[in-house]
Amino acid sequence: MTISHSNIEIQSVHSISKTISRELIKDAILAAYEKSNRPYDFDISVNIRIVGREEGAEINKKFKKKNTPTNVLAFVGDPKKENHLGIEAPSLGDIVVCYPVVREESNDLQKKVNDHFIHMVIHGFLHLMGYDHQDDHEEHEMNELTNKILQSVMP
């Protein structure tokens, strides 16, 4: 079982670069799932919401108690419980990407905005898959995997 293009919901309430297509976002999610090596034995789904500064700040304040927007937030769902309840393609969770923050960071990092944006989508998705960066070992593992996925998705 797996995740498919049709099980990736993208809500864009903020305009983004035309170089970042829905197809590219979905391909990045599919690659991250495949390379994460943490498969589910049932179909899963994920939600991605692309927001502006105001909504990004509101969400970050409500859930992380920080009064500024951040680049990406991941809200983990409970797909095993949802599957047990009979929900078709239960959700891994939600990824919220604040495009203006990602755009500013890409300028500061001298990276292409589409590269950094896809990096943040992958980063958020890996959190939903159980990866974290609370210590040096976890951070190294997550960074290695992120780079591997980015190389497979970005031209």
Protein backbone atom coordinates (compact mmCIF):
# COMPACT_ATOMS: atom_id res chain seq x y z
CA MET A 1 0.00 0.00 0.00
CA THR A 2 1.10 3.52 -0.53
CA ILE A 3 0.27 7.15 -1.09
CA SER A 4 -0.78 8.31 -4.55
CA HIS A 5 -1.13 11.66 -6.33
CA SER A 6 -4.89 11.53 -5.72
CA ASN A 7 -4.32 11.20 -1.95
CA ILE A 8 -2.24 14.37 -1.70
CA GLU A 9 -4.43 17.41 -1.07
CA ILE A 10 -2.87 20.81 -1.78
CA GLN A 11 -4.58 23.97 -0.55
CA SER A 12 -2.91 27.13 -1.73
CA VAL A 13 -4.27 30.26 -0.10
CA HIS A 14 -1.17 32.24 -1.04
CA SER A 15 0.29 32.63 -4.52
CA ILE A 16 3.56 30.84 -5.19
CA SER A 17 6.16 30.84 -7.95
CA LYS A 18 4.94 29.36 -11.24
CA THR A 19 8.02 27.11 -11.17
CA ILE A 20 6.48 25.21 -8.24
CA SER A 21 3.77 23.04 -9.75
CA ARG A 22 1.32 20.83 -7.91
CA GLU A 23 2.88 17.94 -9.81
CA LEU A 24 6.34 18.77 -8.41
CA ILE A 25 4.96 18.99 -4.86
CA LYS A 26 3.20 15.64 -5.24
CA ASP A 27 6.29 14.02 -6.80
CA ALA A 28 8.36 15.22 -3.83
CA ILE A 29 5.87 13.66 -1.39
CA LEU A 30 5.85 10.36 -3.31
CA ALA A 31 9.66 10.27 -3.39
CA ALA A 32 9.85 11.07 0.33
CA TYR A 33 7.41 8.27 1.13
CA GLU A 34 9.30 5.77 -1.01
CA LYS A 35 12.74 6.68 0.34
CA SER A 36 11.64 6.99 3.97
CA ASN A 37 11.61 3.21 4.27
CA ARG A 38 8.67 3.36 6.68
CA PRO A 39 5.81 1.92 4.64
CA TYR A 40 2.23 1.53 5.79
CA ASP A 41 0.24 -1.60 5.00
CA PHE A 42 -2.73 0.54 3.92
CA ASP A 43 -3.22 3.57 1.69
CA ILE A 44 -2.53 6.95 3.31
CA SER A 45 -3.11 10.60 2.47
CA VAL A 46 -1.58 13.95 3.37
CA ASN A 47 -2.72 17.58 3.32
CA ILE A 48 -0.47 20.48 2.37
CA ARG A 49 -1.56 24.08 2.97
CA ILE A 50 0.43 26.96 1.51
CA VAL A 51 -0.16 30.13 3.50
CA GLY A 52 0.89 33.76 3.75
CA ARG A 53 2.53 35.56 6.66
CA GLU A 54 -0.66 36.35 8.55
CA GLU A 55 -2.06 32.83 8.59
CA GLY A 56 1.42 31.41 9.18
CA ALA A 57 1.83 33.61 12.26
CA GLU A 58 -1.66 32.71 13.54
CA ILE A 59 -1.01 28.98 13.23
CA ASN A 60 2.46 29.22 14.78
CA LYS A 61 1.08 31.26 17.69
CA LYS A 62 -1.83 28.91 18.30
CA PHE A 63 0.13 25.66 18.17
CA LYS A 64 3.75 26.56 18.93
CA LYS A 65 3.22 29.67 21.09
CA LYS A 66 5.47 31.76 18.81
CA ASN A 67 4.15 35.07 17.50
CA THR A 68 5.87 34.96 14.10
CA PRO A 69 5.42 32.81 11.00
CA THR A 70 7.85 29.98 10.39
CA ASN A 71 8.82 28.18 7.19
CA VAL A 72 7.05 24.86 7.75
CA LEU A 73 4.92 23.19 10.39
CA ALA A 74 3.87 19.55 10.50
CA PHE A 75 0.83 18.32 12.38
CA VAL A 76 0.92 14.56 12.80
CA GLY A 77 -2.30 12.63 12.35
CA ASP A 78 -3.14 9.14 13.57
CA PRO A 79 -3.45 7.05 10.39
CA LYS A 80 -3.37 3.72 12.22
CA LYS A 81 -6.33 4.72 14.38
CA GLU A 82 -8.20 6.15 11.37
CA ASN A 83 -7.53 2.95 9.40
CA HIS A 84 -8.84 0.88 12.29
CA LEU A 85 -12.00 3.01 12.21
CA GLY A 86 -12.42 2.16 8.52
CA ILE A 87 -11.43 5.51 7.07
CA GLU A 88 -10.25 5.09 3.50
CA ALA A 89 -6.71 6.49 2.97
CA PRO A 90 -6.30 7.92 6.48
CA SER A 91 -4.28 11.08 6.86
CA LEU A 92 -0.67 11.13 7.98
CA GLY A 93 -1.35 14.73 8.93
CA ASP A 94 -1.01 18.27 7.67
CA ILE A 95 1.94 20.27 6.40
CA VAL A 96 1.70 24.06 6.50
CA VAL A 97 4.25 25.97 4.41
CA CYS A 98 4.50 29.74 4.77
CA TYR A 99 5.57 30.80 1.30
CA PRO A 100 6.77 34.35 2.11
CA VAL A 101 9.08 32.99 4.83
CA VAL A 102 10.43 30.32 2.47
CA ARG A 103 10.98 32.94 -0.24
CA GLU A 104 12.90 35.21 2.18
CA GLU A 105 14.98 32.30 3.47
CA SER A 106 15.82 31.22 -0.07
CA ASN A 107 17.14 34.73 -0.78
CA ASP A 108 19.18 34.71 2.45
CA LEU A 109 20.54 31.23 1.65
CA GLN A 110 21.13 32.14 -2.01
CA LYS A 111 19.02 29.16 -3.10
CA LYS A 112 16.34 28.94 -5.75
CA VAL A 113 12.93 29.46 -4.14
CA ASN A 114 11.52 26.29 -5.71
CA ASP A 115 14.42 24.21 -4.33
CA HIS A 116 13.95 25.60 -0.82
CA PHE A 117 10.16 25.28 -1.00
CA ILE A 118 10.36 21.60 -2.00
CA HIS A 119 12.97 21.09 0.74
CA MET A 120 10.45 22.42 3.29
CA VAL A 121 7.66 20.18 1.93
CA ILE A 122 9.93 17.14 2.23
CA HIS A 123 11.07 18.22 5.70
CA GLY A 124 7.46 18.52 6.87
CA PHE A 125 6.51 15.18 5.33
CA LEU A 126 9.43 13.40 7.01
CA HIS A 127 8.19 14.72 10.36
CA LEU A 128 4.81 13.14 9.57
CA MET A 129 6.65 9.87 8.85
CA GLY A 130 8.25 9.97 12.31
CA TYR A 131 11.61 11.55 11.54
CA ASP A 132 12.90 14.29 13.81
CA HIS A 133 16.02 16.30 14.63
CA GLN A 134 16.06 16.45 18.43
CA ASP A 135 19.64 15.21 18.65
CA ASP A 136 22.69 15.11 16.37
CA HIS A 137 22.07 11.51 15.22
CA GLU A 138 18.42 12.19 14.29
CA GLU A 139 19.36 15.45 12.58
CA HIS A 140 22.07 13.74 10.54
CA GLU A 141 19.70 10.93 9.51
CA MET A 142 16.95 13.37 8.52
CA ASN A 143 19.34 15.66 6.60
CA GLU A 144 20.88 12.72 4.70
CA LEU A 145 17.46 11.43 3.71
CA THR A 146 16.22 14.90 2.75
CA ASN A 147 19.23 15.45 0.48
CA LYS A 148 18.73 12.03 -1.12
CA ILE A 149 15.08 12.83 -1.83
CA LEU A 150 15.88 16.32 -3.15
CA GLN A 151 18.44 14.87 -5.58
CA SER A 152 15.83 12.46 -6.93
CA VAL A 153 13.13 15.11 -7.40
CA MET A 154 14.86 18.35 -8.40
CA PRO A 155 16.44 18.66 -11.86
